[in-house]
Each structure stands twice: as C-alpha cells, then as structure tokens.
C-alpha atoms as a PDB file:
ATOM      1  CA  UNK A   1      23.537 122.243  32.174  1.00  0.00           C
ATOM      2  CA  UNK A   2      23.335 118.784  30.606  1.00  0.00           C
ATOM      3  CA  UNK A   3      26.866 119.133  29.238  1.00  0.00           C
ATOM      4  CA  UNK A   4      28.154 119.941  32.735  1.00  0.00           C
ATOM      5  CA  UNK A   5      26.483 116.808  34.112  1.00  0.00           C
ATOM      6  CA  UNK A   6      28.006 114.693  31.329  1.00  0.00           C
ATOM      7  CA  UNK A   7      31.468 116.180  31.925  1.00  0.00           C
ATOM      8  CA  UNK A   8      31.141 115.607  35.688  1.00  0.00           C
ATOM      9  CA  UNK A   9      30.063 112.002  35.034  1.00  0.00           C
ATOM     10  CA  UNK A  10      33.049 111.402  32.765  1.00  0.00           C
ATOM     11  CA  UNK A  11      35.394 112.941  35.342  1.00  0.00           C
ATOM     12  CA  UNK A  12      34.041 110.752  38.148  1.00  0.00           C
ATOM     13  CA  UNK A  13      34.207 107.631  35.960  1.00  0.00           C
ATOM     14  CA  UNK A  14      37.817 108.409  35.035  1.00  0.00           C
ATOM     15  CA  UNK A  15      38.795 109.043  38.657  1.00  0.00           C
ATOM     16  CA  UNK A  16      37.219 105.758  39.701  1.00  0.00           C
ATOM     17  CA  UNK A  17      39.171 103.926  37.003  1.00  0.00           C
ATOM     18  CA  UNK A  18      42.389 105.465  38.328  1.00  0.00           C
ATOM     19  CA  UNK A  19      41.453 104.386  41.858  1.00  0.00           C
ATOM     20  CA  UNK A  20      40.616 100.889  40.600  1.00  0.00           C
ATOM     21  CA  UNK A  21      44.257 100.356  39.587  1.00  0.00           C
ATOM     22  CA  UNK A  22      45.246  99.630  43.157  1.00  0.00           C
ATOM     23  CA  UNK A  23      48.848  99.540  44.318  1.00  0.00           C
ATOM     24  CA  UNK A  24      49.682  98.687  47.920  1.00  0.00           C
ATOM     25  CA  UNK A  25      51.723 101.409  49.617  1.00  0.00           C
ATOM     26  CA  UNK A  26      52.637  99.117  52.541  1.00  0.00           C
ATOM     27  CA  UNK A  27      56.424  98.665  52.747  1.00  0.00           C
ATOM     28  CA  UNK A  28      57.232 101.772  50.675  1.00  0.00           C
ATOM     29  CA  UNK A  29      59.190 104.779  51.883  1.00  0.00           C
ATOM     30  CA  UNK A  30      57.362 108.055  52.455  1.00  0.00           C
ATOM     31  CA  UNK A  31      58.843 109.534  49.264  1.00  0.00           C
ATOM     32  CA  UNK A  32      57.856 106.461  47.217  1.00  0.00           C
ATOM     33  CA  UNK A  33      54.344 106.632  48.666  1.00  0.00           C
ATOM     34  CA  UNK A  34      53.983 110.308  47.704  1.00  0.00           C
ATOM     35  CA  UNK A  35      55.138 109.529  44.174  1.00  0.00           C
ATOM     36  CA  UNK A  36      52.742 106.567  43.774  1.00  0.00           C
ATOM     37  CA  UNK A  37      49.764 108.507  45.127  1.00  0.00           C
ATOM     38  CA  UNK A  38      50.521 111.414  42.778  1.00  0.00           C
ATOM     39  CA  UNK A  39      50.771 109.063  39.770  1.00  0.00           C
ATOM     40  CA  UNK A  40      48.196 106.323  40.443  1.00  0.00           C
ATOM     41  CA  UNK A  41      45.640 108.065  42.650  1.00  0.00           C
ATOM     42  CA  UNK A  42      45.270 111.427  40.947  1.00  0.00           C
ATOM     43  CA  UNK A  43      41.901 112.059  42.541  1.00  0.00           C
ATOM     44  CA  UNK A  44      43.555 112.257  45.986  1.00  0.00           C
ATOM     45  CA  UNK A  45      45.198 115.436  47.255  1.00  0.00           C
ATOM     46  CA  UNK A  46      47.533 115.830  50.219  1.00  0.00           C
ATOM     47  CA  UNK A  47      45.662 117.359  53.165  1.00  0.00           C
ATOM     48  CA  UNK A  48      47.729 119.239  55.749  1.00  0.00           C
ATOM     49  CA  UNK A  49      44.795 120.881  57.545  1.00  0.00           C
ATOM     50  CA  UNK A  50      45.435 118.993  60.788  1.00  0.00           C
ATOM     51  CA  UNK A  51      48.974 117.868  61.591  1.00  0.00           C
ATOM     52  CA  UNK A  52      49.654 115.790  64.704  1.00  0.00           C
ATOM     53  CA  UNK A  53      53.386 115.810  65.317  1.00  0.00           C
ATOM     54  CA  UNK A  54      53.328 112.668  67.486  1.00  0.00           C
ATOM     55  CA  UNK A  55      52.335 110.560  64.457  1.00  0.00           C
ATOM     56  CA  UNK A  56      54.312 109.993  61.273  1.00  0.00           C
ATOM     57  CA  UNK A  57      51.663 109.998  58.545  1.00  0.00           C
ATOM     58  CA  UNK A  58      50.409 111.421  55.271  1.00  0.00           C
ATOM     59  CA  UNK A  59      46.754 112.330  54.898  1.00  0.00           C
ATOM     60  CA  UNK A  60      44.978 112.442  51.540  1.00  0.00           C
ATOM     61  CA  UNK A  61      41.385 113.346  50.635  1.00  0.00           C
ATOM     62  CA  UNK A  62      39.650 112.499  47.379  1.00  0.00           C
ATOM     63  CA  UNK A  63      38.224 115.257  45.171  1.00  0.00           C
ATOM     64  CA  UNK A  64      34.620 114.891  46.309  1.00  0.00           C
ATOM     65  CA  UNK A  65      35.699 114.469  49.950  1.00  0.00           C
ATOM     66  CA  UNK A  66      34.071 111.084  50.492  1.00  0.00           C
ATOM     67  CA  UNK A  67      37.328 109.246  51.305  1.00  0.00           C
ATOM     68  CA  UNK A  68      40.082 110.281  53.691  1.00  0.00           C
ATOM     69  CA  UNK A  69      43.172 108.090  53.260  1.00  0.00           C
ATOM     70  CA  UNK A  70      45.800 108.100  56.003  1.00  0.00           C
ATOM     71  CA  UNK A  71      49.156 106.379  55.469  1.00  0.00           C
ATOM     72  CA  UNK A  72      51.116 105.596  58.647  1.00  0.00           C
ATOM     73  CA  UNK A  73      54.927 105.372  58.672  1.00  0.00           C
ATOM     74  CA  UNK A  74      57.575 103.983  61.013  1.00  0.00           C
ATOM     75  CA  UNK A  75      60.397 106.090  62.474  1.00  0.00           C
ATOM     76  CA  UNK A  76      62.387 105.019  59.417  1.00  0.00           C
ATOM     77  CA  UNK A  77      59.659 106.455  57.099  1.00  0.00           C
ATOM     78  CA  UNK A  78      58.440 103.042  55.898  1.00  0.00           C
ATOM     79  CA  UNK A  79      54.666 102.668  55.432  1.00  0.00           C
ATOM     80  CA  UNK A  80      53.381 100.190  57.994  1.00  0.00           C
ATOM     81  CA  UNK A  81      49.611 100.564  57.564  1.00  0.00           C
ATOM     82  CA  UNK A  82      46.853 102.719  56.174  1.00  0.00           C
ATOM     83  CA  UNK A  83      43.220 103.431  56.715  1.00  0.00           C
ATOM     84  CA  UNK A  84      40.543 104.867  54.501  1.00  0.00           C
ATOM     85  CA  UNK A  85      37.659 106.587  56.258  1.00  0.00           C
ATOM     86  CA  UNK A  86      34.788 106.501  53.775  1.00  0.00           C
ATOM     87  CA  UNK A  87      31.323 107.898  53.343  1.00  0.00           C
ATOM     88  CA  UNK A  88      28.698 105.185  52.789  1.00  0.00           C
ATOM     89  CA  UNK A  89      28.186 106.526  49.248  1.00  0.00           C
ATOM     90  CA  UNK A  90      31.485 104.703  48.461  1.00  0.00           C
ATOM     91  CA  UNK A  91      30.449 101.401  50.073  1.00  0.00           C
ATOM     92  CA  UNK A  92      29.422  99.388  46.996  1.00  0.00           C
ATOM     93  CA  UNK A  93      32.432 100.609  45.004  1.00  0.00           C
ATOM     94  CA  UNK A  94      34.876  99.715  47.816  1.00  0.00           C
ATOM     95  CA  UNK A  95      33.335  96.261  48.371  1.00  0.00           C
ATOM     96  CA  UNK A  96      33.527  95.477  44.633  1.00  0.00           C
ATOM     97  CA  UNK A  97      37.141  96.654  44.554  1.00  0.00           C
ATOM     98  CA  UNK A  98      38.102  94.551  47.590  1.00  0.00           C
ATOM     99  CA  UNK A  99      36.369  91.466  46.156  1.00  0.00           C
ATOM    100  CA  UNK A 100      38.112  91.955  42.796  1.00  0.00           C
ATOM    101  CA  UNK A 101      41.649  92.669  44.031  1.00  0.00           C
ATOM    102  CA  UNK A 102      41.831  90.592  47.219  1.00  0.00           C
ATOM    103  CA  UNK A 103      40.759  87.157  48.395  1.00  0.00           C
ATOM    104  CA  UNK A 104      37.993  87.237  50.992  1.00  0.00           C
ATOM    105  CA  UNK A 105      39.135  85.169  53.986  1.00  0.00           C
ATOM    106  CA  UNK A 106      36.176  85.885  56.299  1.00  0.00           C
ATOM    107  CA  UNK A 107      33.390  88.383  56.741  1.00  0.00           C
ATOM    108  CA  UNK A 108      34.858  91.856  56.104  1.00  0.00           C
ATOM    109  CA  UNK A 109      38.460  90.526  55.869  1.00  0.00           C
ATOM    110  CA  UNK A 110      40.503  90.190  52.667  1.00  0.00           C
ATOM    111  CA  UNK A 111      44.111  89.226  51.868  1.00  0.00           C
ATOM    112  CA  UNK A 112      46.496  89.658  48.961  1.00  0.00           C
ATOM    113  CA  UNK A 113      49.919  88.073  48.553  1.00  0.00           C
ATOM    114  CA  UNK A 114      52.370  90.234  46.592  1.00  0.00           C
ATOM    115  CA  UNK A 115      55.226  87.739  46.868  1.00  0.00           C
ATOM    116  CA  UNK A 116      57.147  89.965  49.287  1.00  0.00           C
ATOM    117  CA  UNK A 117      54.414  90.117  51.916  1.00  0.00           C
ATOM    118  CA  UNK A 118      50.723  89.467  52.519  1.00  0.00           C
ATOM    119  CA  UNK A 119      48.447  92.479  52.854  1.00  0.00           C
ATOM    120  CA  UNK A 120      45.352  92.246  55.055  1.00  0.00           C
ATOM    121  CA  UNK A 121      42.322  94.480  54.470  1.00  0.00           C
ATOM    122  CA  UNK A 122      39.616  94.823  57.125  1.00  0.00           C
ATOM    123  CA  UNK A 123      36.373  96.744  56.716  1.00  0.00           C
ATOM    124  CA  UNK A 124      34.810  98.179  59.855  1.00  0.00           C
ATOM    125  CA  UNK A 125      31.290  99.626  59.704  1.00  0.00           C
ATOM    126  CA  UNK A 126      30.430 102.618  61.887  1.00  0.00           C
ATOM    127  CA  UNK A 127      27.165 104.554  62.219  1.00  0.00           C
ATOM    128  CA  UNK A 128      27.981 107.400  59.801  1.00  0.00           C
ATOM    129  CA  UNK A 129      30.998 106.067  57.914  1.00  0.00           C
ATOM    130  CA  UNK A 130      33.085 102.948  57.383  1.00  0.00           C
ATOM    131  CA  UNK A 131      36.827 102.339  57.654  1.00  0.00           C
ATOM    132  CA  UNK A 132      39.074 100.128  55.548  1.00  0.00           C
ATOM    133  CA  UNK A 133      42.260  99.181  57.411  1.00  0.00           C
ATOM    134  CA  UNK A 134      45.280  97.894  55.485  1.00  0.00           C
ATOM    135  CA  UNK A 135      48.345  96.324  57.077  1.00  0.00           C
ATOM    136  CA  UNK A 136      50.956  93.675  56.537  1.00  0.00           C
ATOM    137  CA  UNK A 137      50.003  90.244  57.826  1.00  0.00           C
ATOM    138  CA  UNK A 138      51.991  89.199  60.860  1.00  0.00           C
ATOM    139  CA  UNK A 139      53.805  85.893  60.413  1.00  0.00           C
END
C-alpha cells in the first residue's frame, strides 16, 4: 500500500513538472497544438465526449480530472484563445505557475510577451471552480 502511494506521488510530481514547462498554444495551428499538447502536456488527454459542431475547439482533461482545457480555433484553424476550468484543489499550483511565468499586471491578470505577441491570462473565481482564460492582447 505504501509503495502505491509513493508511486502515485512520484507520478503526480512528474506530471506537474511537465505542466510547469508552459508553452503558449495561442497563434498555433490545430495540428501544431495537438502535437505540442501530446509532447509537453502528457498528463492531458483529448476528450471527445461532448462535441459542439458550431465551435471549432479541442478539449483536453488532465489525468485526475481536475482541469479541463479548451483550445478555441478560428475558421482557419489558428488558436485564438483557451480556457482552463479548474477544481480549487489546483488553485495554489496555478497561481504559483502564473506568478512564475507571467508578469502580474493587476489583480487576477497576468501578461507575457513572446516577441511575436503578448498573451493575457485572466483568472476568474466561481463558486465551485475557477477559470483561467488565455488570449492574445489586442493592440
């Protein structure tokens, strides 16, 4: 039993390290996004349980089902924004990650300049979950 707990702990630590190596998907094609998620975010799996044809998106869920990550694409299959719907058990981890990888510009708003574009992250708290929105900053 103790060995199982240790193995589970190591697995979760490893998956968090993979998630910590953040790469913005904004501006990528749908195929590039799939490739990056498969390589850099191995803890996330494509979820096709609910497909809404009127939207062009990819939906991923992490292994312990505490984060649902939705990538939205234009008609040309370019990623325009994303949102992560998260359980509050992920709150401290997400805040630390945002503070490490982005510059806080105001309460619950962060930015990062990649050279090609500026990415804006916004955290929105709800009663039972929180949402992290990611989009390109409008000029």
